[in-house]
Protein backbone atom coordinates (compact mmCIF):
# COMPACT_ATOMS: atom_id res chain seq x y z
CA MET A 1 -72.64 -12.53 62.32
CA GLU A 2 -74.85 -11.88 59.12
CA ALA A 3 -76.62 -9.10 61.32
CA TRP A 4 -73.30 -7.57 62.15
CA LEU A 5 -71.96 -7.53 58.28
CA ASP A 6 -75.54 -6.32 57.15
CA ARG A 7 -75.21 -3.13 59.68
CA GLY A 8 -72.07 -2.52 57.63
CA HIS A 9 -69.02 -3.48 60.69
CA GLY A 10 -65.67 -5.02 59.92
CA GLU A 11 -64.07 -3.15 56.70
CA CYS A 12 -65.96 -0.78 54.74
CA TRP A 13 -64.46 0.15 51.36
CA LEU A 14 -67.52 -0.71 49.53
CA LYS A 15 -69.18 2.70 51.55
CA ARG A 16 -67.28 4.91 49.54
CA ARG A 17 -69.33 5.32 46.21
CA ASP A 18 -66.61 5.32 43.66
CA VAL A 19 -64.97 1.62 45.22
CA ALA A 20 -69.12 0.71 44.96
CA GLU A 21 -69.66 2.25 41.73
CA LEU A 22 -66.70 0.20 40.10
CA VAL A 23 -67.48 -3.26 41.83
CA GLU A 24 -70.67 -2.70 40.02
CA LYS A 25 -69.72 -2.27 37.01
CA THR A 26 -67.10 -4.85 37.19
CA LEU A 27 -70.11 -7.07 38.25
CA LEU A 28 -72.35 -6.14 35.14
CA GLU A 29 -69.91 -5.13 32.36
CA ALA A 30 -68.75 -8.84 31.67
CA ASP A 31 -72.40 -10.06 31.72
CA ASP A 32 -72.42 -11.05 28.41
CA GLY A 33 -72.48 -14.91 27.78
CA ASP A 34 -70.86 -16.35 30.28
CA TYR A 35 -73.73 -15.35 32.70
CA ARG A 36 -76.82 -13.37 33.78
CA MET A 37 -76.98 -11.61 36.22
CA GLN A 38 -80.53 -11.42 38.29
CA ALA A 39 -80.10 -9.52 41.31
CA TRP A 40 -77.56 -8.34 43.49
CA VAL A 41 -76.52 -5.52 46.27
CA ILE A 42 -73.56 -3.93 47.32
CA MET A 43 -73.23 -3.29 51.00
CA PRO A 44 -70.55 -1.88 53.07
CA ASN A 45 -68.83 -4.54 53.33
CA HIS A 46 -69.93 -7.76 51.57
CA ILE A 47 -72.02 -7.92 48.09
CA HIS A 48 -74.56 -10.44 47.16
CA LEU A 49 -75.47 -12.05 43.86
CA VAL A 50 -78.48 -13.65 42.21
CA VAL A 51 -76.03 -15.29 38.74
CA ASP A 52 -77.36 -17.58 36.18
CA VAL A 53 -74.04 -19.30 35.02
CA TRP A 54 -73.88 -21.13 31.82
CA ASP A 55 -70.56 -22.61 30.56
CA VAL A 56 -68.06 -21.19 33.09
CA PRO A 57 -67.11 -22.99 36.78
CA LEU A 58 -68.83 -20.31 39.52
CA ALA A 59 -65.47 -20.38 41.05
CA LYS A 60 -63.33 -18.74 37.78
CA LEU A 61 -66.47 -16.12 37.54
CA ILE A 62 -66.07 -15.26 41.60
CA ASP A 63 -62.28 -15.02 40.78
CA GLY A 64 -62.20 -13.30 37.69
CA TRP A 65 -64.95 -10.39 39.44
CA LYS A 66 -62.36 -10.71 42.64
CA GLY A 67 -59.45 -10.15 40.94
CA LYS A 68 -60.41 -7.30 38.64
CA SER A 69 -62.34 -5.27 41.05
CA SER A 70 -59.54 -5.66 43.88
CA ARG A 71 -56.94 -4.27 41.26
CA LEU A 72 -59.17 -1.26 40.35
CA ALA A 73 -60.14 -0.79 44.28
CA ASN A 74 -56.89 -1.16 45.34
CA LEU A 75 -55.62 1.45 43.01
CA LEU A 76 -58.15 3.71 44.13
CA LEU A 77 -57.99 3.58 47.58
CA ARG A 78 -54.01 3.46 47.38
CA ARG A 79 -53.47 0.70 49.01
CA SER A 80 -52.52 -2.95 48.11
CA GLY A 81 -53.15 -6.35 49.93
CA LYS A 82 -56.56 -8.53 49.86
CA PHE A 83 -59.74 -6.77 49.62
CA TRP A 84 -61.92 -10.17 49.19
CA GLN A 85 -61.73 -12.66 51.64
CA ALA A 86 -60.36 -15.94 49.92
CA ASP A 87 -63.92 -18.02 49.87
CA TYR A 88 -67.09 -17.67 48.69
CA TYR A 89 -71.04 -19.04 49.86
CA ASP A 90 -73.49 -20.58 47.44
CA THR A 91 -76.29 -21.35 47.32
CA LEU A 92 -78.15 -23.35 44.15
CA ILE A 93 -81.15 -22.47 43.40
CA ARG A 94 -83.54 -25.38 41.52
CA ASP A 95 -86.33 -23.86 40.73
CA GLU A 96 -88.71 -20.59 40.48
CA ALA A 97 -89.81 -20.81 43.79
CA HIS A 98 -86.60 -20.14 45.54
CA LEU A 99 -85.59 -17.91 43.00
CA LYS A 100 -88.08 -15.09 44.60
CA PRO A 101 -87.39 -15.71 47.85
CA ALA A 102 -83.28 -15.30 46.35
CA PHE A 103 -83.99 -12.12 44.94
CA ARG A 104 -86.13 -10.81 47.68
CA TYR A 105 -83.46 -11.20 49.97
CA THR A 106 -80.73 -9.81 48.02
CA GLU A 107 -82.17 -6.80 47.46
CA GLN A 108 -83.61 -6.48 50.89
CA ASN A 109 -80.23 -6.56 52.44
CA PRO A 110 -79.48 -2.65 53.08
CA VAL A 111 -83.82 -2.52 54.71
CA LYS A 112 -82.82 -5.26 56.65
CA GLY A 113 -79.59 -3.49 58.04
CA PHE A 114 -81.16 -0.20 58.53
CA LEU A 115 -79.21 1.34 55.82
CA ALA A 116 -81.83 1.74 54.14
CA ARG A 117 -85.74 2.69 54.20
CA THR A 118 -87.03 0.71 50.28
CA ALA A 119 -84.91 -1.38 48.69
CA ARG A 120 -85.09 0.91 45.73
CA GLU A 121 -83.66 3.56 47.23
CA TRP A 122 -79.50 1.85 47.76
CA LEU A 123 -77.85 2.65 44.85
CA TRP A 124 -75.99 -0.26 44.78
CA SER A 125 -78.48 -2.88 43.90
CA SER A 126 -80.59 -4.28 41.21
CA ALA A 127 -83.85 -3.51 43.25
CA ARG A 128 -83.34 0.31 41.81
CA HIS A 129 -82.85 -0.72 38.48
CA ARG A 130 -86.52 -3.13 38.31
CA ASP A 131 -89.71 -1.35 35.85
CA GLU A 132 -93.39 -1.81 37.70
CA TYR A 133 -93.50 -5.09 36.31
CA GLU A 134 -89.75 -5.93 38.73
CA ARG A 135 -87.51 -6.93 35.17
CA LEU A 136 -84.27 -5.56 34.61
CA PRO A 137 -83.56 -3.36 31.77
CA TRP A 138 -81.98 -6.47 29.81
CA GLN A 139 -85.31 -8.49 30.74
CA ARG A 140 -87.38 -6.28 29.06
CA SER A 141 -86.45 -7.20 25.36
CA GLU A 142 -86.58 -11.14 26.19
């Protein structure tokens, strides 16, 4: 199933640049204190996120992201109905030793799915925002 998803089978609304852009914007614009986005990739039919969550339950954050992005995407696509699957899969990252592989797994997803030659080549990924030290823009001043 994972390989099937990674190759972009199924509903692929996120393949559209405008839809992928609004989903990425939705994920990043609320990154203001309740959580910090550490890595992400928007694939043609699913997304992967690595997120530090603080005082808000993860389910509440995901419901907010899904709700806002599905409303906007459905308007853009001139459709109604379910945009995201009802559930989500999460993994607790306990330490730095687990964090780096999670970044790699997330950002290499388009490469693994034969959608890009390099992670930085994929437009809708944290990989393209990283500097030579592998930092995201908001990590450079920390």
